Amino acid sequence: MPTNPIVIDDEPAFEWDEAPPLSPALFEFRPPGVPDSARAIHDETTDAIIGYQAGFGGIFRNYDLTGQLQSIEELPLEAPLIDPLDAVLLVGTAWKVGSRLVRGAVLARAGVTVSQSTLIGLRTRFFALSKKQLRFTAKALLHMGEAGRFVPVHILRLAILYGKRAPDPRNAVGYFMYTITVTVRGKPYLLEVLVHERNYTIAHFLYK
């Protein structure tokens, strides 16, 4: 159920805290600063893309969803036959590390390797991005529960951070439209997000 409603311009606004009707991992926005050749890092725990990895000559650079460099590592391309001292996650596989079974996300683009410290760092930054306050009008909140309209909160936040900003097409005071290109199920779409900037309340969002 919607929680913590506030009133903006005589219209209540709500936080969204429901289970997503569609996997967040199906949505992707590649921020500025991330090389085109970088591969997405999908995390099974969050069921989302939480970063990107670019590798050359055995050196791997890991970026968070805002395009900031998280770490630089030299990691094996395949899981070693013996447990390493520093636990390594191989996305798409499962293998033993220090008497524990570490399971990565099952993803077609398997083969990305990150250390546990990098994985924790990427998760922390992902949660920080996802938890930043956003509210929704009643109509927008309904769309968050529809598989055909749902957009993950972190993608909406990225649209506000990196999207092209323009006044509301209907000239509503305090509202601005942000647009970015996102991929959904591997296909590009234009995502538009209409937000009241004073209270970060989303009144409309749609990818087309």
Protein backbone atom coordinates (compact mmCIF):
# COMPACT_ATOMS: atom_id res chain seq x y z
CA MET A 1 0.00 0.00 0.00
CA PRO A 2 1.17 3.60 -0.60
CA THR A 3 2.91 5.06 2.43
CA ASN A 4 3.84 8.46 3.83
CA PRO A 5 1.64 10.64 1.60
CA ILE A 6 2.31 14.35 1.34
CA VAL A 7 0.34 17.01 -0.52
CA ILE A 8 1.77 18.94 -3.46
CA ASP A 9 -0.40 21.51 -5.21
CA ASP A 10 -3.52 19.94 -3.67
CA GLU A 11 -2.56 16.45 -4.92
CA PRO A 12 -1.26 13.71 -2.59
CA ALA A 13 2.10 12.12 -3.39
CA PHE A 14 3.29 8.73 -2.20
CA GLU A 15 6.41 6.66 -1.74
CA TRP A 16 6.55 3.42 -3.70
CA ASP A 17 7.56 0.36 -1.66
CA GLU A 18 6.02 -2.58 -3.51
CA ALA A 19 7.70 -5.55 -5.19
CA PRO A 20 8.58 -4.74 -8.82
CA PRO A 21 6.23 -6.32 -11.39
CA LEU A 22 9.14 -6.76 -13.78
CA SER A 23 12.81 -7.61 -13.28
CA PRO A 24 14.86 -4.41 -12.81
CA ALA A 25 17.71 -6.20 -14.62
CA LEU A 26 15.82 -5.73 -17.90
CA PHE A 27 16.48 -1.97 -17.70
CA GLU A 28 19.81 -0.32 -18.43
CA PHE A 29 21.20 3.19 -18.73
CA ARG A 30 24.88 3.57 -19.51
CA PRO A 31 26.09 6.80 -17.87
CA PRO A 32 28.68 9.20 -19.28
CA GLY A 33 32.25 8.13 -18.62
CA VAL A 34 31.63 4.40 -19.08
CA PRO A 35 33.39 3.02 -22.18
CA ASP A 36 31.15 1.64 -24.92
CA SER A 37 33.02 -1.68 -24.68
CA ALA A 38 32.28 -2.10 -20.95
CA ARG A 39 30.17 -5.05 -19.94
CA ALA A 40 27.23 -4.80 -17.58
CA ILE A 41 27.61 -6.28 -14.09
CA HIS A 42 24.38 -7.97 -13.06
CA ASP A 43 23.91 -8.73 -9.37
CA GLU A 44 21.66 -11.62 -8.40
CA THR A 45 20.95 -10.21 -4.93
CA THR A 46 19.43 -6.99 -6.23
CA ASP A 47 18.33 -8.48 -9.58
CA ALA A 48 19.69 -5.38 -11.29
CA ILE A 49 22.62 -4.10 -13.28
CA ILE A 50 24.72 -2.40 -10.63
CA GLY A 51 27.78 -1.34 -12.64
CA TYR A 52 30.03 -1.86 -15.62
CA GLN A 53 33.41 -3.42 -16.24
CA ALA A 54 35.93 -2.53 -18.92
CA GLY A 55 38.99 -4.72 -19.33
CA PHE A 56 42.19 -4.58 -21.34
CA GLY A 57 45.41 -6.52 -20.93
CA GLY A 58 44.21 -8.27 -17.80
CA ILE A 59 43.38 -5.01 -16.02
CA PHE A 60 39.71 -4.39 -15.20
CA ARG A 61 38.10 -1.06 -14.41
CA ASN A 62 34.77 -1.22 -12.58
CA TYR A 63 32.30 1.68 -12.72
CA ASP A 64 29.16 2.36 -10.71
CA LEU A 65 25.84 3.44 -12.24
CA THR A 66 26.80 7.11 -12.14
CA GLY A 67 29.89 6.44 -14.22
CA GLN A 68 32.31 6.86 -11.31
CA LEU A 69 35.31 4.54 -11.21
CA GLN A 70 34.80 2.11 -8.31
CA SER A 71 37.98 0.04 -8.56
CA ILE A 72 40.85 -1.14 -10.75
CA GLU A 73 41.65 -4.82 -10.46
CA GLU A 74 43.76 -7.53 -11.99
CA LEU A 75 41.56 -10.61 -11.95
CA PRO A 76 41.58 -14.06 -13.55
CA LEU A 77 39.39 -14.61 -16.59
CA GLU A 78 38.19 -17.94 -15.19
CA ALA A 79 37.59 -19.31 -11.72
CA PRO A 80 40.83 -20.77 -10.26
CA LEU A 81 41.10 -24.42 -9.33
CA ILE A 82 41.93 -23.53 -5.72
CA ASP A 83 40.37 -20.97 -3.41
CA PRO A 84 42.09 -17.58 -3.72
CA LEU A 85 42.84 -15.46 -0.67
CA ASP A 86 40.69 -12.67 -2.07
CA ALA A 87 37.23 -13.98 -2.93
CA VAL A 88 36.25 -13.44 -6.53
CA LEU A 89 32.76 -13.53 -7.96
CA LEU A 90 32.37 -14.86 -11.48
CA VAL A 91 29.06 -13.62 -12.78
CA GLY A 92 27.10 -16.45 -14.33
CA THR A 93 28.71 -19.32 -12.43
CA ALA A 94 28.98 -20.80 -8.97
CA TRP A 95 32.19 -21.97 -7.29
CA LYS A 96 33.74 -22.33 -3.84
CA VAL A 97 35.52 -19.47 -2.12
CA GLY A 98 36.84 -19.99 1.39
CA SER A 99 34.53 -22.95 2.11
CA ARG A 100 31.48 -20.98 0.93
CA LEU A 101 29.60 -21.22 -2.31
CA VAL A 102 29.47 -17.86 -4.05
CA ARG A 103 26.79 -17.71 -6.72
CA GLY A 104 26.72 -15.05 -9.39
CA ALA A 105 23.79 -13.85 -11.42
CA VAL A 106 22.63 -16.04 -14.27
CA LEU A 107 23.03 -13.75 -17.25
CA ALA A 108 23.62 -14.32 -20.94
CA ARG A 109 26.60 -11.96 -20.75
CA ALA A 110 28.39 -14.20 -18.24
CA GLY A 111 32.10 -13.94 -17.62
CA VAL A 112 32.47 -10.66 -15.74
CA THR A 113 34.63 -11.09 -12.65
CA VAL A 114 34.75 -8.75 -9.66
CA SER A 115 36.25 -9.04 -6.20
CA GLN A 116 33.94 -9.22 -3.22
CA SER A 117 35.08 -5.79 -2.05
CA THR A 118 34.16 -4.29 -5.42
CA LEU A 119 30.83 -6.10 -5.42
CA ILE A 120 30.00 -4.74 -1.96
CA GLY A 121 31.00 -1.25 -3.06
CA LEU A 122 28.83 -1.41 -6.17
CA ARG A 123 25.87 -2.69 -4.15
CA THR A 124 26.31 0.11 -1.62
CA ARG A 125 26.28 2.75 -4.34
CA PHE A 126 23.32 1.09 -6.02
CA PHE A 127 21.29 1.11 -2.79
CA ALA A 128 22.21 4.74 -2.15
CA LEU A 129 20.94 5.66 -5.61
CA SER A 130 17.75 3.60 -5.21
CA LYS A 131 16.92 4.93 -1.75
CA LYS A 132 17.12 8.63 -2.59
CA GLN A 133 13.69 10.06 -2.01
CA LEU A 134 11.23 9.96 -4.88
CA ARG A 135 7.48 10.25 -4.58
CA PHE A 136 4.70 9.59 -7.05
CA THR A 137 1.31 11.04 -7.76
CA ALA A 138 -1.51 8.51 -7.44
CA LYS A 139 -1.64 7.97 -11.20
CA ALA A 140 2.10 7.52 -11.55
CA LEU A 141 2.09 5.16 -8.56
CA LEU A 142 -0.43 2.92 -10.33
CA HIS A 143 1.87 2.70 -13.35
CA MET A 144 4.71 1.48 -11.10
CA GLY A 145 2.64 -1.65 -10.49
CA GLU A 146 2.07 -2.36 -14.20
CA ALA A 147 4.57 -4.59 -16.01
CA GLY A 148 4.12 -2.61 -19.21
CA ARG A 149 4.82 0.75 -17.56
CA PHE A 150 7.09 -0.02 -14.59
CA VAL A 151 10.52 1.62 -14.49
CA PRO A 152 12.95 0.86 -11.61
CA VAL A 153 13.49 3.69 -9.15
CA HIS A 154 17.24 3.80 -9.80
CA ILE A 155 16.59 4.29 -13.52
CA LEU A 156 14.18 7.14 -12.77
CA ARG A 157 16.85 8.70 -10.56
CA LEU A 158 19.42 8.37 -13.34
CA ALA A 159 17.01 10.06 -15.74
CA ILE A 160 16.82 13.05 -13.38
CA LEU A 161 20.61 13.08 -12.94
CA TYR A 162 21.58 12.75 -16.60
CA GLY A 163 18.49 13.43 -18.69
CA LYS A 164 17.87 16.36 -20.99
CA ARG A 165 15.88 18.89 -18.92
CA ALA A 166 13.00 20.89 -20.37
CA PRO A 167 9.96 22.75 -18.98
CA ASP A 168 6.78 20.78 -18.55
CA PRO A 169 5.02 20.62 -21.96
CA ARG A 170 1.79 21.64 -20.20
CA ASN A 171 3.54 24.48 -18.38
CA ALA A 172 2.72 23.19 -14.90
CA VAL A 173 4.59 25.32 -12.36
CA GLY A 174 7.55 23.57 -10.75
CA TYR A 175 7.50 20.55 -13.09
CA PHE A 176 10.23 19.65 -15.56
CA MET A 177 10.56 16.87 -18.13
CA TYR A 178 13.72 14.78 -18.28
CA THR A 179 14.50 12.46 -21.20
CA ILE A 180 17.22 9.85 -21.62
CA THR A 181 17.78 6.81 -23.82
CA VAL A 182 17.45 3.52 -21.95
CA THR A 183 17.48 -0.08 -23.07
CA VAL A 184 14.70 -2.44 -22.05
CA ARG A 185 15.15 -6.11 -22.89
CA GLY A 186 18.11 -5.02 -24.99
CA LYS A 187 16.14 -2.56 -27.15
CA PRO A 188 16.58 1.24 -27.02
CA TYR A 189 13.73 3.47 -25.87
CA LEU A 190 13.29 7.12 -25.03
CA LEU A 191 12.36 7.46 -21.36
CA GLU A 192 10.58 10.62 -20.28
CA VAL A 193 10.11 11.53 -16.64
CA LEU A 194 8.02 14.50 -15.47
CA VAL A 195 9.02 15.54 -11.97
CA HIS A 196 8.17 18.30 -9.53
CA GLU A 197 11.66 19.45 -8.62
CA ARG A 198 10.83 21.02 -5.27
CA ASN A 199 9.66 17.72 -3.77
CA TYR A 200 10.95 15.21 -6.32
CA THR A 201 7.48 13.92 -7.06
CA ILE A 202 7.01 12.08 -10.35
CA ALA A 203 3.75 12.83 -12.11
CA HIS A 204 4.45 10.96 -15.35
CA PHE A 205 6.98 8.50 -16.78
CA LEU A 206 6.93 6.52 -20.01
CA TYR A 207 9.42 4.78 -22.29
CA LYS A 208 8.56 4.62 -25.97
